[in-house]
C-alpha atoms as a PDB file:
ATOM      1  CA  UNK A   1      19.833 -13.491  25.231  1.00  0.00           C
ATOM      2  CA  UNK A   2      19.975 -16.758  23.282  1.00  0.00           C
ATOM      3  CA  UNK A   3      16.731 -18.704  22.968  1.00  0.00           C
ATOM      4  CA  UNK A   4      16.350 -21.804  25.110  1.00  0.00           C
ATOM      5  CA  UNK A   5      17.283 -24.990  23.346  1.00  0.00           C
ATOM      6  CA  UNK A   6      15.062 -28.035  23.829  1.00  0.00           C
ATOM      7  CA  UNK A   7      16.366 -30.964  25.851  1.00  0.00           C
ATOM      8  CA  UNK A   8      17.380 -34.080  23.943  1.00  0.00           C
ATOM      9  CA  UNK A   9      17.998 -37.381  25.727  1.00  0.00           C
ATOM     10  CA  UNK A  10      19.814 -40.451  24.488  1.00  0.00           C
ATOM     11  CA  UNK A  11      20.429 -43.751  26.204  1.00  0.00           C
ATOM     12  CA  UNK A  12      24.086 -44.728  26.568  1.00  0.00           C
ATOM     13  CA  UNK A  13      23.790 -48.497  26.717  1.00  0.00           C
ATOM     14  CA  UNK A  14      23.342 -50.292  23.395  1.00  0.00           C
ATOM     15  CA  UNK A  15      22.976 -46.963  21.596  1.00  0.00           C
ATOM     16  CA  UNK A  16      26.454 -45.469  21.966  1.00  0.00           C
ATOM     17  CA  UNK A  17      28.295 -48.522  23.223  1.00  0.00           C
ATOM     18  CA  UNK A  18      27.992 -52.253  22.885  1.00  0.00           C
ATOM     19  CA  UNK A  19      29.052 -54.889  25.387  1.00  0.00           C
ATOM     20  CA  UNK A  20      31.859 -57.335  24.697  1.00  0.00           C
ATOM     21  CA  UNK A  21      31.145 -60.667  26.389  1.00  0.00           C
ATOM     22  CA  UNK A  22      33.144 -63.854  26.740  1.00  0.00           C
ATOM     23  CA  UNK A  23      31.841 -67.344  25.925  1.00  0.00           C
ATOM     24  CA  UNK A  24      30.204 -67.548  29.373  1.00  0.00           C
ATOM     25  CA  UNK A  25      28.257 -64.332  28.718  1.00  0.00           C
ATOM     26  CA  UNK A  26      30.273 -62.285  31.207  1.00  0.00           C
ATOM     27  CA  UNK A  27      31.009 -58.669  30.352  1.00  0.00           C
ATOM     28  CA  UNK A  28      34.692 -58.268  29.512  1.00  0.00           C
ATOM     29  CA  UNK A  29      34.684 -54.838  27.911  1.00  0.00           C
ATOM     30  CA  UNK A  30      32.809 -52.432  25.712  1.00  0.00           C
ATOM     31  CA  UNK A  31      33.081 -51.055  22.237  1.00  0.00           C
ATOM     32  CA  UNK A  32      32.025 -47.647  21.041  1.00  0.00           C
ATOM     33  CA  UNK A  33      29.460 -47.970  18.262  1.00  0.00           C
ATOM     34  CA  UNK A  34      30.553 -46.800  14.810  1.00  0.00           C
ATOM     35  CA  UNK A  35      29.643 -43.146  14.248  1.00  0.00           C
ATOM     36  CA  UNK A  36      28.822 -42.524  17.922  1.00  0.00           C
ATOM     37  CA  UNK A  37      30.665 -39.184  17.788  1.00  0.00           C
ATOM     38  CA  UNK A  38      28.765 -38.157  14.655  1.00  0.00           C
ATOM     39  CA  UNK A  39      25.478 -39.166  16.329  1.00  0.00           C
ATOM     40  CA  UNK A  40      26.181 -37.042  19.420  1.00  0.00           C
ATOM     41  CA  UNK A  41      27.312 -34.064  17.364  1.00  0.00           C
ATOM     42  CA  UNK A  42      24.224 -34.288  15.169  1.00  0.00           C
ATOM     43  CA  UNK A  43      21.847 -34.405  18.143  1.00  0.00           C
ATOM     44  CA  UNK A  44      23.612 -31.526  19.865  1.00  0.00           C
ATOM     45  CA  UNK A  45      22.810 -29.244  16.924  1.00  0.00           C
ATOM     46  CA  UNK A  46      19.121 -29.412  17.824  1.00  0.00           C
ATOM     47  CA  UNK A  47      19.176 -29.016  21.592  1.00  0.00           C
ATOM     48  CA  UNK A  48      20.871 -29.574  24.922  1.00  0.00           C
ATOM     49  CA  UNK A  49      22.047 -33.181  24.835  1.00  0.00           C
ATOM     50  CA  UNK A  50      21.861 -35.356  27.943  1.00  0.00           C
ATOM     51  CA  UNK A  51      22.766 -39.023  28.256  1.00  0.00           C
ATOM     52  CA  UNK A  52      20.884 -41.567  30.360  1.00  0.00           C
ATOM     53  CA  UNK A  53      21.928 -44.899  31.814  1.00  0.00           C
ATOM     54  CA  UNK A  54      20.369 -47.281  34.310  1.00  0.00           C
ATOM     55  CA  UNK A  55      23.917 -48.085  35.412  1.00  0.00           C
ATOM     56  CA  UNK A  56      25.875 -46.355  38.152  1.00  0.00           C
ATOM     57  CA  UNK A  57      28.134 -43.311  37.884  1.00  0.00           C
ATOM     58  CA  UNK A  58      31.302 -45.432  37.743  1.00  0.00           C
ATOM     59  CA  UNK A  59      30.037 -47.235  34.626  1.00  0.00           C
ATOM     60  CA  UNK A  60      28.959 -43.939  33.046  1.00  0.00           C
ATOM     61  CA  UNK A  61      32.426 -42.466  33.618  1.00  0.00           C
ATOM     62  CA  UNK A  62      34.008 -45.530  31.993  1.00  0.00           C
ATOM     63  CA  UNK A  63      31.798 -45.058  28.945  1.00  0.00           C
ATOM     64  CA  UNK A  64      32.523 -41.319  28.788  1.00  0.00           C
ATOM     65  CA  UNK A  65      36.246 -42.073  28.838  1.00  0.00           C
ATOM     66  CA  UNK A  66      35.767 -44.490  25.927  1.00  0.00           C
ATOM     67  CA  UNK A  67      33.780 -41.891  23.954  1.00  0.00           C
ATOM     68  CA  UNK A  68      36.731 -39.512  24.198  1.00  0.00           C
ATOM     69  CA  UNK A  69      36.332 -36.117  22.511  1.00  0.00           C
ATOM     70  CA  UNK A  70      32.712 -36.830  21.596  1.00  0.00           C
ATOM     71  CA  UNK A  71      31.649 -35.998  25.162  1.00  0.00           C
ATOM     72  CA  UNK A  72      32.127 -32.327  24.378  1.00  0.00           C
ATOM     73  CA  UNK A  73      28.670 -32.442  22.779  1.00  0.00           C
ATOM     74  CA  UNK A  74      27.044 -33.726  25.987  1.00  0.00           C
ATOM     75  CA  UNK A  75      25.689 -31.305  28.551  1.00  0.00           C
ATOM     76  CA  UNK A  76      24.512 -33.758  31.267  1.00  0.00           C
ATOM     77  CA  UNK A  77      24.751 -37.434  32.174  1.00  0.00           C
ATOM     78  CA  UNK A  78      22.045 -38.997  34.340  1.00  0.00           C
ATOM     79  CA  UNK A  79      22.725 -42.311  36.090  1.00  0.00           C
ATOM     80  CA  UNK A  80      20.714 -44.584  38.373  1.00  0.00           C
ATOM     81  CA  UNK A  81      21.799 -42.449  41.322  1.00  0.00           C
ATOM     82  CA  UNK A  82      20.069 -39.488  39.678  1.00  0.00           C
ATOM     83  CA  UNK A  83      17.002 -41.368  38.439  1.00  0.00           C
ATOM     84  CA  UNK A  84      16.253 -43.607  41.430  1.00  0.00           C
ATOM     85  CA  UNK A  85      14.911 -40.787  43.671  1.00  0.00           C
ATOM     86  CA  UNK A  86      12.471 -39.892  40.884  1.00  0.00           C
ATOM     87  CA  UNK A  87      11.151 -43.470  40.840  1.00  0.00           C
ATOM     88  CA  UNK A  88      10.743 -43.428  44.620  1.00  0.00           C
ATOM     89  CA  UNK A  89       8.622 -40.283  44.435  1.00  0.00           C
ATOM     90  CA  UNK A  90       5.981 -42.064  42.339  1.00  0.00           C
END
């Protein structure tokens, strides 16, 4: 039996992706940060990698699509729908 690997969490927003905004400050797209794939691969060597975002599942799926093959290093993605019940329990 393989030993348990520690959990590792990374934020999605402003770590893996950056917003593209127009002159009015409205979000028009996103760009994947340089070396995002390398970053995810590197983290995954040390534990079970999960991504966090305060955004909804639709946004997270958009980001995952943009990350492409790099998502193979990610075990879980937690969105506001997952995290909100935890905040309510406090």
